Amino acid sequence: MSGNKGVPKTYQEFKVRFPKLAEAWDLTREASLSGPLDEKTQLLVKLGVSIGAMREGAVHSAVRKALQAGIDAPAIEQAVALAASTLGFPSTVAVWTWVRDVLK
């Protein structure tokens, strides 16, 4: 994302309050981008990990970033459907609501 557009205010405030943690986080993120996966695949993997970890904020963030990268809603929705057999129905419905928060 360019600048702070779409970045939650709380995240921005955290980075200002803890600049060393923010720097370490940025380095970790940069290092994880090295490899053969293209950007859209990386974003869908991040979405899948966020779904599997049941992290609402991370799911919101992953969906926002996926949309900004041109990944369409059906592909994002398929990521939720793929998780169903592992997460179970109640967890998948919960994740579905988080995805819908952003897709609306």
PDB file of N, CA and C in Angstrom:
ATOM      1  N   MET A   1       0.842  -1.174   0.000  1.00  0.00           N
ATOM      2  CA  MET A   1       0.000   0.000   0.000  1.00  0.00           C
ATOM      3  C   MET A   1       0.883   1.232   0.000  1.00  0.00           C
ATOM      4  N   SER A   2       0.485   2.216  -0.716  1.00  0.00           N
ATOM      5  CA  SER A   2       1.268   3.432  -0.732  1.00  0.00           C
ATOM      6  C   SER A   2       0.825   4.342   0.395  1.00  0.00           C
ATOM      7  N   GLY A   3       1.805   4.917   1.074  1.00  0.00           N
ATOM      8  CA  GLY A   3       1.495   5.812   2.183  1.00  0.00           C
ATOM      9  C   GLY A   3       0.759   5.084   3.289  1.00  0.00           C
ATOM     10  N   ASN A   4      -0.173   5.783   3.915  1.00  0.00           N
ATOM     11  CA  ASN A   4      -0.937   5.187   5.005  1.00  0.00           C
ATOM     12  C   ASN A   4      -2.376   4.901   4.610  1.00  0.00           C
ATOM     13  N   LYS A   5      -2.679   4.976   3.302  1.00  0.00           N
ATOM     14  CA  LYS A   5      -4.051   4.749   2.837  1.00  0.00           C
ATOM     15  C   LYS A   5      -4.491   3.330   3.199  1.00  0.00           C
ATOM     16  N   GLY A   6      -5.586   3.233   3.927  1.00  0.00           N
ATOM     17  CA  GLY A   6      -6.122   1.930   4.281  1.00  0.00           C
ATOM     18  C   GLY A   6      -5.464   1.274   5.476  1.00  0.00           C
ATOM     19  N   VAL A   7      -4.411   1.888   6.006  1.00  0.00           N
ATOM     20  CA  VAL A   7      -3.723   1.318   7.166  1.00  0.00           C
ATOM     21  C   VAL A   7      -4.476   1.766   8.419  1.00  0.00           C
ATOM     22  N   PRO A   8      -4.890   0.801   9.257  1.00  0.00           N
ATOM     23  CA  PRO A   8      -5.636   1.175  10.462  1.00  0.00           C
ATOM     24  C   PRO A   8      -4.857   2.146  11.358  1.00  0.00           C
ATOM     25  N   LYS A   9      -5.565   3.098  11.910  1.00  0.00           N
ATOM     26  CA  LYS A   9      -4.961   4.123  12.771  1.00  0.00           C
ATOM     27  C   LYS A   9      -4.209   3.498  13.943  1.00  0.00           C
ATOM     28  N   THR A  10      -4.780   2.472  14.548  1.00  0.00           N
ATOM     29  CA  THR A  10      -4.141   1.826  15.695  1.00  0.00           C
ATOM     30  C   THR A  10      -2.786   1.248  15.305  1.00  0.00           C
ATOM     31  N   TYR A  11      -2.710   0.655  14.126  1.00  0.00           N
ATOM     32  CA  TYR A  11      -1.438   0.102  13.644  1.00  0.00           C
ATOM     33  C   TYR A  11      -0.413   1.221  13.458  1.00  0.00           C
ATOM     34  N   GLN A  12      -0.836   2.331  12.867  1.00  0.00           N
ATOM     35  CA  GLN A  12       0.060   3.472  12.684  1.00  0.00           C
ATOM     36  C   GLN A  12       0.571   3.992  14.032  1.00  0.00           C
ATOM     37  N   GLU A  13      -0.335   4.102  14.993  1.00  0.00           N
ATOM     38  CA  GLU A  13       0.044   4.575  16.328  1.00  0.00           C
ATOM     39  C   GLU A  13       1.019   3.612  17.008  1.00  0.00           C
ATOM     40  N   PHE A  14       0.793   2.314  16.845  1.00  0.00           N
ATOM     41  CA  PHE A  14       1.680   1.307  17.428  1.00  0.00           C
ATOM     42  C   PHE A  14       3.092   1.451  16.860  1.00  0.00           C
ATOM     43  N   LYS A  15       3.182   1.643  15.541  1.00  0.00           N
ATOM     44  CA  LYS A  15       4.491   1.784  14.899  1.00  0.00           C
ATOM     45  C   LYS A  15       5.226   3.030  15.388  1.00  0.00           C
ATOM     46  N   VAL A  16       4.493   4.102  15.645  1.00  0.00           N
ATOM     47  CA  VAL A  16       5.108   5.322  16.172  1.00  0.00           C
ATOM     48  C   VAL A  16       5.587   5.091  17.602  1.00  0.00           C
ATOM     49  N   ARG A  17       4.785   4.422  18.390  1.00  0.00           N
ATOM     50  CA  ARG A  17       5.128   4.187  19.804  1.00  0.00           C
ATOM     51  C   ARG A  17       6.276   3.193  19.960  1.00  0.00           C
ATOM     52  N   PHE A  18       6.360   2.187  19.074  1.00  0.00           N
ATOM     53  CA  PHE A  18       7.372   1.143  19.166  1.00  0.00           C
ATOM     54  C   PHE A  18       8.146   1.040  17.843  1.00  0.00           C
ATOM     55  N   PRO A  19       8.972   2.032  17.533  1.00  0.00           N
ATOM     56  CA  PRO A  19       9.645   2.063  16.230  1.00  0.00           C
ATOM     57  C   PRO A  19      10.585   0.881  15.975  1.00  0.00           C
ATOM     58  N   LYS A  20      11.225   0.366  16.989  1.00  0.00           N
ATOM     59  CA  LYS A  20      12.137  -0.780  16.802  1.00  0.00           C
ATOM     60  C   LYS A  20      11.345  -2.035  16.429  1.00  0.00           C
ATOM     61  N   LEU A  21      10.211  -2.245  17.072  1.00  0.00           N
ATOM     62  CA  LEU A  21       9.359  -3.367  16.695  1.00  0.00           C
ATOM     63  C   LEU A  21       8.852  -3.193  15.267  1.00  0.00           C
ATOM     64  N   ALA A  22       8.487  -1.972  14.912  1.00  0.00           N
ATOM     65  CA  ALA A  22       8.009  -1.695  13.556  1.00  0.00           C
ATOM     66  C   ALA A  22       9.105  -1.991  12.538  1.00  0.00           C
ATOM     67  N   GLU A  23      10.324  -1.595  12.853  1.00  0.00           N
ATOM     68  CA  GLU A  23      11.449  -1.855  11.953  1.00  0.00           C
ATOM     69  C   GLU A  23      11.682  -3.363  11.791  1.00  0.00           C
ATOM     70  N   ALA A  24      11.656  -4.081  12.906  1.00  0.00           N
ATOM     71  CA  ALA A  24      11.843  -5.538  12.843  1.00  0.00           C
ATOM     72  C   ALA A  24      10.714  -6.188  12.041  1.00  0.00           C
ATOM     73  N   TRP A  25       9.503  -5.716  12.244  1.00  0.00           N
ATOM     74  CA  TRP A  25       8.359  -6.258  11.519  1.00  0.00           C
ATOM     75  C   TRP A  25       8.507  -6.026  10.018  1.00  0.00           C
ATOM     76  N   ASP A  26       8.933  -4.809   9.651  1.00  0.00           N
ATOM     77  CA  ASP A  26       9.130  -4.486   8.236  1.00  0.00           C
ATOM     78  C   ASP A  26      10.208  -5.368   7.618  1.00  0.00           C
ATOM     79  N   LEU A  27      11.284  -5.631   8.348  1.00  0.00           N
ATOM     80  CA  LEU A  27      12.351  -6.504   7.843  1.00  0.00           C
ATOM     81  C   LEU A  27      11.852  -7.935   7.666  1.00  0.00           C
ATOM     82  N   THR A  28      11.058  -8.409   8.605  1.00  0.00           N
ATOM     83  CA  THR A  28      10.485  -9.748   8.499  1.00  0.00           C
ATOM     84  C   THR A  28       9.592  -9.849   7.266  1.00  0.00           C
ATOM     85  N   ARG A  29       8.775  -8.844   7.072  1.00  0.00           N
ATOM     86  CA  ARG A  29       7.883  -8.822   5.913  1.00  0.00           C
ATOM     87  C   ARG A  29       8.681  -8.813   4.611  1.00  0.00           C
ATOM     88  N   GLU A  30       9.691  -7.961   4.540  1.00  0.00           N
ATOM     89  CA  GLU A  30      10.522  -7.886   3.333  1.00  0.00           C
ATOM     90  C   GLU A  30      11.177  -9.230   3.039  1.00  0.00           C
ATOM     91  N   ALA A  31      11.702  -9.876   4.068  1.00  0.00           N
ATOM     92  CA  ALA A  31      12.380 -11.159   3.881  1.00  0.00           C
ATOM     93  C   ALA A  31      11.411 -12.233   3.393  1.00  0.00           C
ATOM     94  N   SER A  32      10.173 -12.173   3.838  1.00  0.00           N
ATOM     95  CA  SER A  32       9.196 -13.191   3.449  1.00  0.00           C
ATOM     96  C   SER A  32       8.768 -13.063   1.990  1.00  0.00           C
ATOM     97  N   LEU A  33       9.014 -11.922   1.387  1.00  0.00           N
ATOM     98  CA  LEU A  33       8.620 -11.706  -0.003  1.00  0.00           C
ATOM     99  C   LEU A  33       9.591 -12.341  -0.994  1.00  0.00           C
ATOM    100  N   SER A  34      10.768 -12.735  -0.506  1.00  0.00           N
ATOM    101  CA  SER A  34      11.772 -13.338  -1.383  1.00  0.00           C
ATOM    102  C   SER A  34      11.360 -14.768  -1.716  1.00  0.00           C
ATOM    103  N   GLY A  35      11.229 -15.052  -2.975  1.00  0.00           N
ATOM    104  CA  GLY A  35      10.860 -16.403  -3.383  1.00  0.00           C
ATOM    105  C   GLY A  35      10.128 -16.399  -4.700  1.00  0.00           C
ATOM    106  N   PRO A  36       9.732 -17.578  -5.152  1.00  0.00           N
ATOM    107  CA  PRO A  36       9.153 -17.717  -6.489  1.00  0.00           C
ATOM    108  C   PRO A  36       7.674 -17.350  -6.610  1.00  0.00           C
ATOM    109  N   LEU A  37       6.972 -17.150  -5.511  1.00  0.00           N
ATOM    110  CA  LEU A  37       5.535 -16.877  -5.605  1.00  0.00           C
ATOM    111  C   LEU A  37       5.282 -15.449  -6.073  1.00  0.00           C
ATOM    112  N   ASP A  38       4.350 -15.296  -7.003  1.00  0.00           N
ATOM    113  CA  ASP A  38       3.990 -13.951  -7.454  1.00  0.00           C
ATOM    114  C   ASP A  38       3.158 -13.258  -6.376  1.00  0.00           C
ATOM    115  N   GLU A  39       2.949 -11.959  -6.552  1.00  0.00           N
ATOM    116  CA  GLU A  39       2.277 -11.154  -5.527  1.00  0.00           C
ATOM    117  C   GLU A  39       0.879 -11.672  -5.181  1.00  0.00           C
ATOM    118  N   LYS A  40       0.084 -12.010  -6.177  1.00  0.00           N
ATOM    119  CA  LYS A  40      -1.283 -12.449  -5.905  1.00  0.00           C
ATOM    120  C   LYS A  40      -1.298 -13.777  -5.154  1.00  0.00           C
ATOM    121  N   THR A  41      -0.390 -14.670  -5.503  1.00  0.00           N
ATOM    122  CA  THR A  41      -0.307 -15.945  -4.783  1.00  0.00           C
ATOM    123  C   THR A  41       0.114 -15.696  -3.344  1.00  0.00           C
ATOM    124  N   GLN A  42       1.088 -14.815  -3.143  1.00  0.00           N
ATOM    125  CA  GLN A  42       1.523 -14.474  -1.782  1.00  0.00           C
ATOM    126  C   GLN A  42       0.357 -13.938  -0.960  1.00  0.00           C
ATOM    127  N   LEU A  43      -0.440 -13.075  -1.568  1.00  0.00           N
ATOM    128  CA  LEU A  43      -1.576 -12.493  -0.849  1.00  0.00           C
ATOM    129  C   LEU A  43      -2.636 -13.538  -0.509  1.00  0.00           C
ATOM    130  N   LEU A  44      -2.879 -14.475  -1.409  1.00  0.00           N
ATOM    131  CA  LEU A  44      -3.846 -15.541  -1.113  1.00  0.00           C
ATOM    132  C   LEU A  44      -3.314 -16.489  -0.039  1.00  0.00           C
ATOM    133  N   VAL A  45      -2.011 -16.739  -0.034  1.00  0.00           N
ATOM    134  CA  VAL A  45      -1.416 -17.555   1.030  1.00  0.00           C
ATOM    135  C   VAL A  45      -1.577 -16.838   2.367  1.00  0.00           C
ATOM    136  N   LYS A  46      -1.286 -15.538   2.392  1.00  0.00           N
ATOM    137  CA  LYS A  46      -1.452 -14.772   3.631  1.00  0.00           C
ATOM    138  C   LYS A  46      -2.903 -14.802   4.108  1.00  0.00           C
ATOM    139  N   LEU A  47      -3.832 -14.719   3.171  1.00  0.00           N
ATOM    140  CA  LEU A  47      -5.249 -14.815   3.533  1.00  0.00           C
ATOM    141  C   LEU A  47      -5.543 -16.178   4.136  1.00  0.00           C
ATOM    142  N   GLY A  48      -5.036 -17.236   3.511  1.00  0.00           N
ATOM    143  CA  GLY A  48      -5.260 -18.582   4.023  1.00  0.00           C
ATOM    144  C   GLY A  48      -4.687 -18.782   5.416  1.00  0.00           C
ATOM    145  N   VAL A  49      -3.500 -18.247   5.643  1.00  0.00           N
ATOM    146  CA  VAL A  49      -2.882 -18.357   6.971  1.00  0.00           C
ATOM    147  C   VAL A  49      -3.704 -17.583   7.995  1.00  0.00           C
ATOM    148  N   SER A  50      -4.154 -16.397   7.616  1.00  0.00           N
ATOM    149  CA  SER A  50      -4.980 -15.583   8.517  1.00  0.00           C
ATOM    150  C   SER A  50      -6.286 -16.278   8.862  1.00  0.00           C
ATOM    151  N   ILE A  51      -6.876 -16.918   7.861  1.00  0.00           N
ATOM    152  CA  ILE A  51      -8.110 -17.675   8.081  1.00  0.00           C
ATOM    153  C   ILE A  51      -7.840 -18.838   9.029  1.00  0.00           C
ATOM    154  N   GLY A  52      -6.807 -19.607   8.742  1.00  0.00           N
ATOM    155  CA  GLY A  52      -6.489 -20.772   9.568  1.00  0.00           C
ATOM    156  C   GLY A  52      -6.143 -20.422  10.999  1.00  0.00           C
ATOM    157  N   ALA A  53      -5.508 -19.263  11.182  1.00  0.00           N
ATOM    158  CA  ALA A  53      -5.141 -18.816  12.527  1.00  0.00           C
ATOM    159  C   ALA A  53      -6.312 -18.168  13.255  1.00  0.00           C
ATOM    160  N   MET A  54      -7.419 -17.973  12.527  1.00  0.00           N
ATOM    161  CA  MET A  54      -8.621 -17.350  13.098  1.00  0.00           C
ATOM    162  C   MET A  54      -8.314 -15.967  13.682  1.00  0.00           C
ATOM    163  N   ARG A  55      -7.616 -15.162  12.903  1.00  0.00           N
ATOM    164  CA  ARG A  55      -7.247 -13.808  13.318  1.00  0.00           C
ATOM    165  C   ARG A  55      -8.087 -12.811  12.528  1.00  0.00           C
ATOM    166  N   GLU A  56      -9.105 -12.281  13.159  1.00  0.00           N
ATOM    167  CA  GLU A  56     -10.056 -11.401  12.479  1.00  0.00           C
ATOM    168  C   GLU A  56      -9.376 -10.203  11.829  1.00  0.00           C
ATOM    169  N   GLY A  57      -8.533  -9.514  12.572  1.00  0.00           N
ATOM    170  CA  GLY A  57      -7.853  -8.348  12.016  1.00  0.00           C
ATOM    171  C   GLY A  57      -6.974  -8.704  10.836  1.00  0.00           C
ATOM    172  N   ALA A  58      -6.293  -9.834  10.926  1.00  0.00           N
ATOM    173  CA  ALA A  58      -5.435 -10.274   9.823  1.00  0.00           C
ATOM    174  C   ALA A  58      -6.262 -10.647   8.598  1.00  0.00           C
ATOM    175  N   VAL A  59      -7.432 -11.252   8.808  1.00  0.00           N
ATOM    176  CA  VAL A  59      -8.319 -11.573   7.684  1.00  0.00           C
ATOM    177  C   VAL A  59      -8.784 -10.278   7.022  1.00  0.00           C
ATOM    178  N   HIS A  60      -9.213  -9.301   7.820  1.00  0.00           N
ATOM    179  CA  HIS A  60      -9.622  -8.007   7.257  1.00  0.00           C
ATOM    180  C   HIS A  60      -8.494  -7.416   6.414  1.00  0.00           C
ATOM    181  N   SER A  61      -7.297  -7.385   6.975  1.00  0.00           N
ATOM    182  CA  SER A  61      -6.141  -6.819   6.282  1.00  0.00           C
ATOM    183  C   SER A  61      -5.833  -7.582   4.999  1.00  0.00           C
ATOM    184  N   ALA A  62      -5.846  -8.904   5.078  1.00  0.00           N
ATOM    185  CA  ALA A  62      -5.535  -9.726   3.902  1.00  0.00           C
ATOM    186  C   ALA A  62      -6.557  -9.520   2.793  1.00  0.00           C
ATOM    187  N   VAL A  63      -7.826  -9.394   3.160  1.00  0.00           N
ATOM    188  CA  VAL A  63      -8.858  -9.169   2.150  1.00  0.00           C
ATOM    189  C   VAL A  63      -8.679  -7.791   1.510  1.00  0.00           C
ATOM    190  N   ARG A  64      -8.423  -6.765   2.314  1.00  0.00           N
ATOM    191  CA  ARG A  64      -8.186  -5.417   1.766  1.00  0.00           C
ATOM    192  C   ARG A  64      -7.019  -5.433   0.781  1.00  0.00           C
ATOM    193  N   LYS A  65      -5.913  -6.048   1.189  1.00  0.00           N
ATOM    194  CA  LYS A  65      -4.726  -6.086   0.323  1.00  0.00           C
ATOM    195  C   LYS A  65      -4.976  -6.898  -0.939  1.00  0.00           C
ATOM    196  N   ALA A  66      -5.712  -7.979  -0.819  1.00  0.00           N
ATOM    197  CA  ALA A  66      -6.034  -8.797  -1.988  1.00  0.00           C
ATOM    198  C   ALA A  66      -6.861  -7.999  -2.992  1.00  0.00           C
ATOM    199  N   LEU A  67      -7.869  -7.296  -2.502  1.00  0.00           N
ATOM    200  CA  LEU A  67      -8.700  -6.479  -3.387  1.00  0.00           C
ATOM    201  C   LEU A  67      -7.872  -5.389  -4.062  1.00  0.00           C
ATOM    202  N   GLN A  68      -7.001  -4.746  -3.304  1.00  0.00           N
ATOM    203  CA  GLN A  68      -6.153  -3.689  -3.865  1.00  0.00           C
ATOM    204  C   GLN A  68      -5.222  -4.232  -4.940  1.00  0.00           C
ATOM    205  N   ALA A  69      -4.846  -5.497  -4.840  1.00  0.00           N
ATOM    206  CA  ALA A  69      -3.950  -6.120  -5.824  1.00  0.00           C
ATOM    207  C   ALA A  69      -4.713  -6.667  -7.025  1.00  0.00           C
ATOM    208  N   GLY A  70      -6.044  -6.523  -7.018  1.00  0.00           N
ATOM    209  CA  GLY A  70      -6.832  -6.971  -8.158  1.00  0.00           C
ATOM    210  C   GLY A  70      -7.375  -8.377  -8.048  1.00  0.00           C
ATOM    211  N   ILE A  71      -7.279  -8.972  -6.878  1.00  0.00           N
ATOM    212  CA  ILE A  71      -7.870 -10.295  -6.670  1.00  0.00           C
ATOM    213  C   ILE A  71      -9.371 -10.086  -6.485  1.00  0.00           C
ATOM    214  N   ASP A  72     -10.172 -10.826  -7.227  1.00  0.00           N
ATOM    215  CA  ASP A  72     -11.610 -10.605  -7.180  1.00  0.00           C
ATOM    216  C   ASP A  72     -12.272 -11.347  -6.015  1.00  0.00           C
ATOM    217  N   ALA A  73     -13.486 -10.905  -5.711  1.00  0.00           N
ATOM    218  CA  ALA A  73     -14.242 -11.471  -4.597  1.00  0.00           C
ATOM    219  C   ALA A  73     -14.424 -12.988  -4.705  1.00  0.00           C
ATOM    220  N   PRO A  74     -14.725 -13.548  -5.892  1.00  0.00           N
ATOM    221  CA  PRO A  74     -14.880 -15.006  -5.962  1.00  0.00           C
ATOM    222  C   PRO A  74     -13.611 -15.771  -5.541  1.00  0.00           C
ATOM    223  N   ALA A  75     -12.440 -15.254  -5.858  1.00  0.00           N
ATOM    224  CA  ALA A  75     -11.201 -15.927  -5.448  1.00  0.00           C
ATOM    225  C   ALA A  75     -11.026 -15.845  -3.931  1.00  0.00           C
ATOM    226  N   ILE A  76     -11.354 -14.707  -3.364  1.00  0.00           N
ATOM    227  CA  ILE A  76     -11.266 -14.535  -1.909  1.00  0.00           C
ATOM    228  C   ILE A  76     -12.268 -15.471  -1.223  1.00  0.00           C
ATOM    229  N   GLU A  77     -13.468 -15.536  -1.754  1.00  0.00           N
ATOM    230  CA  GLU A  77     -14.493 -16.416  -1.189  1.00  0.00           C
ATOM    231  C   GLU A  77     -14.080 -17.879  -1.300  1.00  0.00           C
ATOM    232  N   GLN A  78     -13.397 -18.250  -2.376  1.00  0.00           N
ATOM    233  CA  GLN A  78     -12.937 -19.631  -2.514  1.00  0.00           C
ATOM    234  C   GLN A  78     -11.920 -19.972  -1.430  1.00  0.00           C
ATOM    235  N   ALA A  79     -11.098 -19.003  -1.037  1.00  0.00           N
ATOM    236  CA  ALA A  79     -10.135 -19.251   0.044  1.00  0.00           C
ATOM    237  C   ALA A  79     -10.869 -19.644   1.325  1.00  0.00           C
ATOM    238  N   VAL A  80     -12.006 -19.005   1.581  1.00  0.00           N
ATOM    239  CA  VAL A  80     -12.816 -19.361   2.752  1.00  0.00           C
ATOM    240  C   VAL A  80     -13.369 -20.773   2.579  1.00  0.00           C
ATOM    241  N   ALA A  81     -13.905 -21.062   1.410  1.00  0.00           N
ATOM    242  CA  ALA A  81     -14.475 -22.386   1.157  1.00  0.00           C
ATOM    243  C   ALA A  81     -13.427 -23.483   1.293  1.00  0.00           C
ATOM    244  N   LEU A  82     -12.205 -23.217   0.841  1.00  0.00           N
ATOM    245  CA  LEU A  82     -11.128 -24.218   0.945  1.00  0.00           C
ATOM    246  C   LEU A  82     -10.776 -24.525   2.401  1.00  0.00           C
ATOM    247  N   ALA A  83     -10.978 -23.564   3.266  1.00  0.00           N
ATOM    248  CA  ALA A  83     -10.648 -23.751   4.682  1.00  0.00           C
ATOM    249  C   ALA A  83     -11.713 -24.543   5.437  1.00  0.00           C
ATOM    250  N   ALA A  84     -12.894 -24.678   4.870  1.00  0.00           N
ATOM    251  CA  ALA A  84     -14.032 -25.262   5.585  1.00  0.00           C
ATOM    252  C   ALA A  84     -13.765 -26.662   6.103  1.00  0.00           C
ATOM    253  N   SER A  85     -13.146 -27.512   5.291  1.00  0.00           N
ATOM    254  CA  SER A  85     -12.950 -28.897   5.731  1.00  0.00           C
ATOM    255  C   SER A  85     -11.930 -29.015   6.852  1.00  0.00           C
ATOM    256  N   THR A  86     -11.094 -27.998   7.017  1.00  0.00           N
ATOM    257  CA  THR A  86     -10.106 -28.003   8.093  1.00  0.00           C
ATOM    258  C   THR A  86     -10.637 -27.286   9.331  1.00  0.00           C
ATOM    259  N   LEU A  87     -11.285 -26.146   9.118  1.00  0.00           N
ATOM    260  CA  LEU A  87     -11.759 -25.339  10.243  1.00  0.00           C
ATOM    261  C   LEU A  87     -13.048 -25.847  10.870  1.00  0.00           C
ATOM    262  N   GLY A  88     -13.904 -26.458  10.060  1.00  0.00           N
ATOM    263  CA  GLY A  88     -15.230 -26.826  10.527  1.00  0.00           C
ATOM    264  C   GLY A  88     -16.221 -25.721  10.211  1.00  0.00           C
ATOM    265  N   PHE A  89     -17.486 -26.067  10.291  1.00  0.00           N
ATOM    266  CA  PHE A  89     -18.538 -25.150   9.858  1.00  0.00           C
ATOM    267  C   PHE A  89     -18.634 -23.877  10.704  1.00  0.00           C
ATOM    268  N   PRO A  90     -18.680 -23.957  12.042  1.00  0.00           N
ATOM    269  CA  PRO A  90     -18.831 -22.722  12.830  1.00  0.00           C
ATOM    270  C   PRO A  90     -17.680 -21.738  12.607  1.00  0.00           C
ATOM    271  N   SER A  91     -16.454 -22.229  12.561  1.00  0.00           N
ATOM    272  CA  SER A  91     -15.313 -21.344  12.347  1.00  0.00           C
ATOM    273  C   SER A  91     -15.328 -20.746  10.951  1.00  0.00           C
ATOM    274  N   THR A  92     -15.732 -21.546   9.978  1.00  0.00           N
ATOM    275  CA  THR A  92     -15.790 -21.052   8.607  1.00  0.00           C
ATOM    276  C   THR A  92     -16.841 -19.956   8.465  1.00  0.00           C
ATOM    277  N   VAL A  93     -17.969 -20.118   9.126  1.00  0.00           N
ATOM    278  CA  VAL A  93     -18.997 -19.078   9.096  1.00  0.00           C
ATOM    279  C   VAL A  93     -18.479 -17.811   9.759  1.00  0.00           C
ATOM    280  N   ALA A  94     -17.735 -17.943  10.848  1.00  0.00           N
ATOM    281  CA  ALA A  94     -17.146 -16.770  11.503  1.00  0.00           C
ATOM    282  C   ALA A  94     -16.196 -16.051  10.546  1.00  0.00           C
ATOM    283  N   VAL A  95     -15.322 -16.806   9.898  1.00  0.00           N
ATOM    284  CA  VAL A  95     -14.381 -16.219   8.937  1.00  0.00           C
ATOM    285  C   VAL A  95     -15.145 -15.549   7.801  1.00  0.00           C
ATOM    286  N   TRP A  96     -16.198 -16.195   7.335  1.00  0.00           N
ATOM    287  CA  TRP A  96     -17.013 -15.640   6.257  1.00  0.00           C
ATOM    288  C   TRP A  96     -17.535 -14.251   6.635  1.00  0.00           C
ATOM    289  N   THR A  97     -17.954 -14.079   7.889  1.00  0.00           N
ATOM    290  CA  THR A  97     -18.449 -12.760   8.312  1.00  0.00           C
ATOM    291  C   THR A  97     -17.323 -11.730   8.270  1.00  0.00           C
ATOM    292  N   TRP A  98     -16.091 -12.128   8.630  1.00  0.00           N
ATOM    293  CA  TRP A  98     -14.959 -11.189   8.600  1.00  0.00           C
ATOM    294  C   TRP A  98     -14.630 -10.784   7.172  1.00  0.00           C
ATOM    295  N   VAL A  99     -14.687 -11.739   6.260  1.00  0.00           N
ATOM    296  CA  VAL A  99     -14.421 -11.453   4.852  1.00  0.00           C
ATOM    297  C   VAL A  99     -15.496 -10.510   4.315  1.00  0.00           C
ATOM    298  N   ARG A 100     -16.735 -10.788   4.653  1.00  0.00           N
ATOM    299  CA  ARG A 100     -17.853  -9.960   4.195  1.00  0.00           C
ATOM    300  C   ARG A 100     -17.769  -8.539   4.746  1.00  0.00           C
ATOM    301  N   ASP A 101     -17.189  -8.373   5.952  1.00  0.00           N
ATOM    302  CA  ASP A 101     -16.995  -7.030   6.500  1.00  0.00           C
ATOM    303  C   ASP A 101     -16.283  -6.135   5.490  1.00  0.00           C
ATOM    304  N   VAL A 102     -15.308  -6.693   4.803  1.00  0.00           N
ATOM    305  CA  VAL A 102     -14.492  -5.925   3.870  1.00  0.00           C
ATOM    306  C   VAL A 102     -15.094  -5.925   2.464  1.00  0.00           C
ATOM    307  N   LEU A 103     -15.683  -7.021   2.056  1.00  0.00           N
ATOM    308  CA  LEU A 103     -16.235  -7.094   0.703  1.00  0.00           C
ATOM    309  C   LEU A 103     -17.474  -6.234   0.502  1.00  0.00           C
ATOM    310  N   LYS A 104     -18.179  -5.924   1.582  1.00  0.00           N
ATOM    311  CA  LYS A 104     -19.415  -5.104   1.465  1.00  0.00           C
ATOM    312  C   LYS A 104     -19.095  -3.730   0.922  1.00  0.00           C
TER     313      LYS A 104
END
